[in-house]
Amino acid sequence: MGASREMTARVSAKGWIVIPAPLRRRYGIKPGSVVKIREMDNRIVLVPEVTDPVQECFGKYSGKESLTRALLEEREKEKRREEKKGVRA
């Protein structure tokens, strides 16, 4: 398990709490997200529900280097090296 970090939130008259922004970002909790509430070992535990894991991960690495492009470039380099050696594909 990761290191524990303590944050506080005030409970409103209606029983609402605000999940601190760093935790919302870290766990992908956005407006409309479903969070399961569990009672475990005398603690209240909030667990973000993932409805579609593939959809939830979509775009996670956007803005970073395209691994597909890097793979295709590497394969092209390998193909040219093999052609120089006289190896046929």
C-alpha atoms as a PDB file:
ATOM      1  CA  MET A   1       0.000   0.000   0.000  1.00  0.00           C
ATOM      2  CA  GLY A   2       1.052   3.571  -0.643  1.00  0.00           C
ATOM      3  CA  ALA A   3       1.879   6.118   1.985  1.00  0.00           C
ATOM      4  CA  SER A   4      -1.058   7.532   3.870  1.00  0.00           C
ATOM      5  CA  ARG A   5      -1.772  11.231   3.530  1.00  0.00           C
ATOM      6  CA  GLU A   6      -4.232  12.917   5.861  1.00  0.00           C
ATOM      7  CA  MET A   7      -6.709  15.481   4.583  1.00  0.00           C
ATOM      8  CA  THR A   8      -9.790  16.936   6.200  1.00  0.00           C
ATOM      9  CA  ALA A   9     -13.280  17.769   4.990  1.00  0.00           C
ATOM     10  CA  ARG A  10     -16.157  19.406   6.842  1.00  0.00           C
ATOM     11  CA  VAL A  11     -19.558  17.691   6.887  1.00  0.00           C
ATOM     12  CA  SER A  12     -22.428  20.001   5.881  1.00  0.00           C
ATOM     13  CA  ALA A  13     -25.835  20.137   7.564  1.00  0.00           C
ATOM     14  CA  LYS A  14     -27.093  17.808   4.814  1.00  0.00           C
ATOM     15  CA  GLY A  15     -24.306  15.285   5.461  1.00  0.00           C
ATOM     16  CA  TRP A  16     -22.348  16.269   2.347  1.00  0.00           C
ATOM     17  CA  ILE A  17     -18.577  16.293   2.226  1.00  0.00           C
ATOM     18  CA  VAL A  18     -16.225  17.589  -0.424  1.00  0.00           C
ATOM     19  CA  ILE A  19     -13.513  15.182  -1.542  1.00  0.00           C
ATOM     20  CA  PRO A  20     -10.277  17.207  -1.762  1.00  0.00           C
ATOM     21  CA  ALA A  21      -9.234  18.051  -5.329  1.00  0.00           C
ATOM     22  CA  PRO A  22      -5.893  16.173  -5.215  1.00  0.00           C
ATOM     23  CA  LEU A  23      -7.744  12.953  -4.344  1.00  0.00           C
ATOM     24  CA  ARG A  24     -10.410  13.551  -7.007  1.00  0.00           C
ATOM     25  CA  ARG A  25      -7.694  14.018  -9.635  1.00  0.00           C
ATOM     26  CA  ARG A  26      -5.691  11.029  -8.417  1.00  0.00           C
ATOM     27  CA  TYR A  27      -8.666   8.670  -8.526  1.00  0.00           C
ATOM     28  CA  GLY A  28     -10.432  10.165 -11.548  1.00  0.00           C
ATOM     29  CA  ILE A  29     -13.511  11.267  -9.628  1.00  0.00           C
ATOM     30  CA  LYS A  30     -15.455  13.735 -11.761  1.00  0.00           C
ATOM     31  CA  PRO A  31     -18.952  15.217 -11.526  1.00  0.00           C
ATOM     32  CA  GLY A  32     -21.385  12.347 -11.982  1.00  0.00           C
ATOM     33  CA  SER A  33     -18.874   9.678 -10.897  1.00  0.00           C
ATOM     34  CA  VAL A  34     -20.263   6.905  -8.712  1.00  0.00           C
ATOM     35  CA  VAL A  35     -18.471   6.252  -5.434  1.00  0.00           C
ATOM     36  CA  LYS A  36     -19.221   3.193  -3.307  1.00  0.00           C
ATOM     37  CA  ILE A  37     -19.327   3.771   0.440  1.00  0.00           C
ATOM     38  CA  ARG A  38     -18.189   0.861   2.596  1.00  0.00           C
ATOM     39  CA  GLU A  39     -17.853   0.405   6.310  1.00  0.00           C
ATOM     40  CA  MET A  40     -14.713  -1.587   7.094  1.00  0.00           C
ATOM     41  CA  ASP A  41     -12.984  -2.059  10.443  1.00  0.00           C
ATOM     42  CA  ASN A  42     -14.796   0.886  12.057  1.00  0.00           C
ATOM     43  CA  ARG A  43     -13.887   3.143   9.114  1.00  0.00           C
ATOM     44  CA  ILE A  44     -15.830   4.664   6.257  1.00  0.00           C
ATOM     45  CA  VAL A  45     -14.170   3.866   2.951  1.00  0.00           C
ATOM     46  CA  LEU A  46     -15.001   5.559  -0.361  1.00  0.00           C
ATOM     47  CA  VAL A  47     -14.253   3.462  -3.441  1.00  0.00           C
ATOM     48  CA  PRO A  48     -14.593   5.001  -6.907  1.00  0.00           C
ATOM     49  CA  GLU A  49     -16.663   2.665  -9.069  1.00  0.00           C
ATOM     50  CA  VAL A  50     -15.232   1.868 -12.465  1.00  0.00           C
ATOM     51  CA  THR A  51     -18.058   0.981 -14.822  1.00  0.00           C
ATOM     52  CA  ASP A  52     -15.976   0.268 -17.931  1.00  0.00           C
ATOM     53  CA  PRO A  53     -12.257  -0.176 -17.280  1.00  0.00           C
ATOM     54  CA  VAL A  54     -11.343   0.223 -20.946  1.00  0.00           C
ATOM     55  CA  GLN A  55     -13.317   3.454 -21.249  1.00  0.00           C
ATOM     56  CA  GLU A  56     -11.914   4.732 -17.958  1.00  0.00           C
ATOM     57  CA  CYS A  57      -8.355   4.280 -19.253  1.00  0.00           C
ATOM     58  CA  PHE A  58      -9.079   5.851 -22.643  1.00  0.00           C
ATOM     59  CA  GLY A  59      -6.897   8.905 -23.083  1.00  0.00           C
ATOM     60  CA  LYS A  60      -4.945   8.301 -19.891  1.00  0.00           C
ATOM     61  CA  TYR A  61      -1.634   8.781 -21.682  1.00  0.00           C
ATOM     62  CA  SER A  62      -2.735  11.431 -24.170  1.00  0.00           C
ATOM     63  CA  GLY A  63      -0.231  14.146 -24.716  1.00  0.00           C
ATOM     64  CA  LYS A  64       2.636  11.762 -24.151  1.00  0.00           C
ATOM     65  CA  GLU A  65       4.746  10.081 -26.822  1.00  0.00           C
ATOM     66  CA  SER A  66       2.729   7.739 -29.004  1.00  0.00           C
ATOM     67  CA  LEU A  67       3.953   4.235 -28.276  1.00  0.00           C
ATOM     68  CA  THR A  68       2.394   3.016 -31.529  1.00  0.00           C
ATOM     69  CA  ARG A  69       4.324   5.613 -33.518  1.00  0.00           C
ATOM     70  CA  ALA A  70       7.540   4.759 -31.658  1.00  0.00           C
ATOM     71  CA  LEU A  71       7.017   1.042 -32.395  1.00  0.00           C
ATOM     72  CA  LEU A  72       6.382   1.676 -36.095  1.00  0.00           C
ATOM     73  CA  GLU A  73       9.467   3.903 -36.331  1.00  0.00           C
ATOM     74  CA  GLU A  74      11.587   1.246 -34.620  1.00  0.00           C
ATOM     75  CA  ARG A  75      10.287  -1.437 -36.985  1.00  0.00           C
ATOM     76  CA  GLU A  76      11.092   0.776 -39.977  1.00  0.00           C
ATOM     77  CA  LYS A  77      14.651   1.272 -38.696  1.00  0.00           C
ATOM     78  CA  GLU A  78      14.988  -2.485 -38.179  1.00  0.00           C
ATOM     79  CA  LYS A  79      13.716  -3.135 -41.700  1.00  0.00           C
ATOM     80  CA  ARG A  80      16.334  -0.748 -43.169  1.00  0.00           C
ATOM     81  CA  ARG A  81      19.108  -2.414 -41.117  1.00  0.00           C
ATOM     82  CA  GLU A  82      18.049  -5.844 -42.397  1.00  0.00           C
ATOM     83  CA  GLU A  83      17.928  -4.585 -45.982  1.00  0.00           C
ATOM     84  CA  LYS A  84      21.504  -3.259 -45.612  1.00  0.00           C
ATOM     85  CA  LYS A  85      22.590  -6.698 -44.376  1.00  0.00           C
ATOM     86  CA  GLY A  86      20.799  -8.386 -47.258  1.00  0.00           C
ATOM     87  CA  VAL A  87      18.195 -10.117 -45.128  1.00  0.00           C
ATOM     88  CA  ARG A  88      14.760 -10.339 -46.749  1.00  0.00           C
ATOM     89  CA  ALA A  89      11.532  -9.958 -44.811  1.00  0.00           C
END
